[in-house]
Amino acid sequence: MARGASARRYAQAVFAIALEQGEPDKWLDDLALLADAMANEEFATFLDAPQFTLQQKTDLIAESIGDSVAELARNLMSLLASRNSARLLPSITESYQQMLDGHNGVERAEIVSAVPLGDEQQQRIVQMLTSIVGKDITATTRVEPHLLGGFVARVGDKVIDGSTRTKLDELRRELVQGA
C-alpha cells in the first residue's frame, strides 16, 4: 500500500474518532505536536527502527511526549511505531487538516507573488478567491521573484494566474500568431 494512501486511512480513522469525541480542533493540535516531534531525526529513526522493542519505543514516546497530547494521540504514535511507520505522522496531520477544512467549509489557498503582499492586497485576493470558489479561504503566501509582477493563486485544483510573466507570454503568442 502506498504511504500516502496509508496516511489518509489513518487520518480518516482519527477524524472519525475526533468527530465522535467532539474535539476535532484538539486532535489537530495533538497531531501537529506529534508531527513536530518527528522533525527530530534521532527520535524518528528510533521509532521506525525494527531492532527496538515496542516497549522501548512506547517508553521513549511517554518520556518525550508525556501528557502534552491526549492518551489516544500517544496511542496512535505507539501504533505507528509498532509498525515502523511513525514517519507517516506529518502526512497524517496534513490529510487530517484537509478533512477538517472540508468539514468546516474552508478551502486552503496558496498565493504566490513577485513581491511580498500587503495585508490589504492579500485581503482583496482572498475575497476574490472566496467569490470564485464559494467557500471561506485560508491563504498562505509565498514570494517568487521570477513572476515579475502580479500573482498566481492555487485553490484546490483551480489555478488563477494573474502574473505578469503569463500575460507577457500570452502577448508574445498573439504577436507570433498574428504575424
Protein backbone atom coordinates (compact mmCIF):
# COMPACT_ATOMS: atom_id res chain seq x y z
CA MET A 1 0.00 0.00 0.00
CA ALA A 2 1.33 3.45 -0.88
CA ARG A 3 2.40 5.56 2.08
CA GLY A 4 0.10 8.42 1.03
CA ALA A 5 -2.94 6.15 0.96
CA SER A 6 -1.94 4.68 4.30
CA ALA A 7 -1.60 8.17 5.84
CA ARG A 8 -5.06 9.09 4.52
CA ARG A 9 -6.57 5.97 6.08
CA TYR A 10 -5.06 6.74 9.46
CA ALA A 11 -6.26 10.35 9.12
CA GLN A 12 -9.78 9.16 8.29
CA ALA A 13 -9.84 6.94 11.36
CA VAL A 14 -8.54 9.72 13.59
CA PHE A 15 -11.02 12.17 12.08
CA ALA A 16 -13.92 9.82 12.82
CA ILE A 17 -12.73 9.49 16.43
CA ALA A 18 -12.28 13.27 16.73
CA LEU A 19 -15.81 13.95 15.47
CA GLU A 20 -17.21 11.28 17.77
CA GLN A 21 -15.44 12.91 20.72
CA GLY A 22 -16.44 16.40 19.57
CA GLU A 23 -12.82 17.56 19.66
CA PRO A 24 -11.59 17.91 16.07
CA ASP A 25 -9.50 21.02 16.80
CA LYS A 26 -7.87 19.41 19.84
CA TRP A 27 -6.92 16.43 17.70
CA LEU A 28 -5.38 18.74 15.11
CA ASP A 29 -3.25 20.35 17.83
CA ASP A 30 -2.15 16.94 19.10
CA LEU A 31 -1.32 15.67 15.61
CA ALA A 32 0.66 18.82 14.86
CA LEU A 33 2.66 18.33 18.06
CA LEU A 34 3.36 14.69 17.17
CA ALA A 35 4.34 15.65 13.61
CA ASP A 36 6.70 18.30 15.01
CA ALA A 37 8.31 15.67 17.24
CA MET A 38 9.07 13.63 14.12
CA ALA A 39 11.24 16.50 12.86
CA ASN A 40 13.87 15.26 15.33
CA GLU A 41 15.76 12.81 13.12
CA GLU A 42 17.10 10.69 16.01
CA PHE A 43 13.63 10.34 17.50
CA ALA A 44 12.08 9.43 14.14
CA THR A 45 14.82 6.92 13.34
CA PHE A 46 14.42 5.24 16.73
CA LEU A 47 10.64 4.91 16.37
CA ASP A 48 10.91 3.41 12.89
CA ALA A 49 13.83 1.08 13.69
CA PRO A 50 12.77 -2.59 13.75
CA GLN A 51 15.61 -3.59 16.11
CA PHE A 52 13.99 -1.81 19.10
CA THR A 53 11.12 -3.40 21.01
CA LEU A 54 7.68 -1.87 21.22
CA GLN A 55 8.21 -1.35 24.95
CA GLN A 56 11.39 0.67 24.29
CA LYS A 57 9.53 2.77 21.73
CA THR A 58 6.49 3.41 23.95
CA ASP A 59 8.79 4.30 26.86
CA LEU A 60 10.54 6.87 24.68
CA ILE A 61 7.21 8.26 23.48
CA ALA A 62 5.94 8.57 27.05
CA GLU A 63 9.18 10.22 28.13
CA SER A 64 9.36 12.59 25.16
CA ILE A 65 5.71 13.48 24.63
CA GLY A 66 4.39 12.95 28.14
CA ASP A 67 1.00 14.49 28.83
CA SER A 68 1.33 17.20 26.16
CA VAL A 69 -1.12 15.26 23.96
CA ALA A 70 -4.20 13.16 24.72
CA GLU A 71 -3.79 9.47 25.51
CA LEU A 72 -5.37 8.38 22.22
CA ALA A 73 -2.90 10.53 20.28
CA ARG A 74 0.00 8.90 22.15
CA ASN A 75 -1.57 5.53 21.36
CA LEU A 76 -1.63 6.45 17.67
CA MET A 77 2.08 7.25 17.79
CA SER A 78 2.76 3.95 19.58
CA LEU A 79 0.72 2.05 17.00
CA LEU A 80 2.67 3.68 14.17
CA ALA A 81 5.95 2.95 15.97
CA SER A 82 4.93 -0.71 16.36
CA ARG A 83 4.53 -0.84 12.59
CA ASN A 84 7.76 1.13 11.96
CA SER A 85 5.61 3.81 10.32
CA ALA A 86 5.93 6.77 12.69
CA ARG A 87 7.29 8.89 9.83
CA LEU A 88 3.73 8.95 8.46
CA LEU A 89 2.69 11.42 11.18
CA PRO A 90 3.33 14.60 9.14
CA SER A 91 1.33 13.16 6.21
CA ILE A 92 -1.44 12.02 8.56
CA THR A 93 -1.57 15.53 10.03
CA GLU A 94 -1.77 17.09 6.56
CA SER A 95 -4.58 14.74 5.49
CA TYR A 96 -6.42 15.37 8.76
CA GLN A 97 -6.11 19.15 8.23
CA GLN A 98 -7.66 18.79 4.76
CA MET A 99 -10.55 16.74 6.18
CA LEU A 100 -11.14 19.24 8.96
CA ASP A 101 -11.08 22.13 6.48
CA GLY A 102 -13.62 20.33 4.28
CA HIS A 103 -15.80 19.64 7.31
CA ASN A 104 -15.65 23.33 8.29
CA GLY A 105 -16.30 24.54 4.71
CA VAL A 106 -12.84 26.09 4.44
CA GLU A 107 -10.61 25.85 1.41
CA ARG A 108 -6.84 26.36 1.54
CA ALA A 109 -5.20 28.64 -0.99
CA GLU A 110 -1.61 29.43 -1.82
CA ILE A 111 -0.89 32.84 -3.26
CA VAL A 112 2.45 33.27 -5.00
CA SER A 113 3.54 36.80 -5.83
CA ALA A 114 6.60 38.55 -7.22
CA VAL A 115 6.89 40.79 -4.15
CA PRO A 116 5.53 40.47 -0.60
CA LEU A 117 1.82 41.33 -0.46
CA GLY A 118 0.43 43.91 1.90
CA ASP A 119 -2.47 42.98 4.17
CA GLU A 120 -4.97 44.89 2.02
CA GLN A 121 -3.75 43.25 -1.19
CA GLN A 122 -3.91 39.81 0.37
CA GLN A 123 -7.43 40.52 1.68
CA ARG A 124 -8.64 41.57 -1.79
CA ILE A 125 -7.19 38.43 -3.38
CA VAL A 126 -8.78 36.25 -0.68
CA GLN A 127 -12.16 37.95 -1.23
CA MET A 128 -11.86 37.35 -4.98
CA LEU A 129 -10.97 33.69 -4.41
CA THR A 130 -13.87 33.31 -1.95
CA SER A 131 -16.29 34.59 -4.59
CA ILE A 132 -14.85 32.21 -7.22
CA VAL A 133 -14.79 29.10 -5.03
CA GLY A 134 -17.84 29.83 -2.88
CA LYS A 135 -16.11 28.80 0.34
CA ASP A 136 -14.14 30.54 3.06
CA ILE A 137 -10.47 30.74 2.16
CA THR A 138 -7.42 30.37 4.38
CA ALA A 139 -4.43 31.65 2.45
CA THR A 140 -0.70 31.26 2.70
CA THR A 141 1.61 33.46 0.68
CA ARG A 142 4.97 32.87 -0.93
CA VAL A 143 7.26 35.16 -2.92
CA GLU A 144 8.81 34.10 -6.24
CA PRO A 145 10.60 36.98 -7.98
CA HIS A 146 10.61 35.16 -11.37
CA LEU A 147 6.90 36.05 -11.72
CA LEU A 148 7.96 39.66 -12.47
CA GLY A 149 4.65 41.01 -11.16
CA GLY A 150 1.09 40.02 -10.30
CA PHE A 151 0.21 36.75 -8.56
CA VAL A 152 -0.71 33.10 -9.05
CA ALA A 153 -3.28 31.60 -6.70
CA ARG A 154 -3.93 27.89 -6.24
CA VAL A 155 -7.15 26.75 -4.57
CA GLY A 156 -7.66 23.01 -4.66
CA ASP A 157 -7.40 22.07 -8.32
CA LYS A 158 -8.02 25.62 -9.56
CA VAL A 159 -5.22 27.96 -10.62
CA ILE A 160 -5.81 31.68 -11.11
CA ASP A 161 -2.84 33.10 -12.97
CA GLY A 162 -2.64 36.87 -12.92
CA SER A 163 1.13 37.02 -13.24
CA THR A 164 2.90 39.48 -15.48
CA ARG A 165 5.02 36.65 -16.87
CA THR A 166 1.92 34.81 -18.13
CA LYS A 167 0.44 37.99 -19.61
CA LEU A 168 3.69 38.66 -21.46
CA ASP A 169 3.77 35.07 -22.74
CA GLU A 170 0.16 35.41 -23.97
CA LEU A 171 1.02 38.69 -25.71
CA ARG A 172 4.03 37.07 -27.36
CA ARG A 173 1.87 34.18 -28.63
CA GLU A 174 -0.69 36.60 -30.04
CA LEU A 175 2.02 38.59 -31.82
CA VAL A 176 3.57 35.43 -33.30
CA GLN A 177 0.20 34.08 -34.44
CA GLY A 178 -0.78 37.44 -35.95
CA ALA A 179 2.49 37.81 -37.90
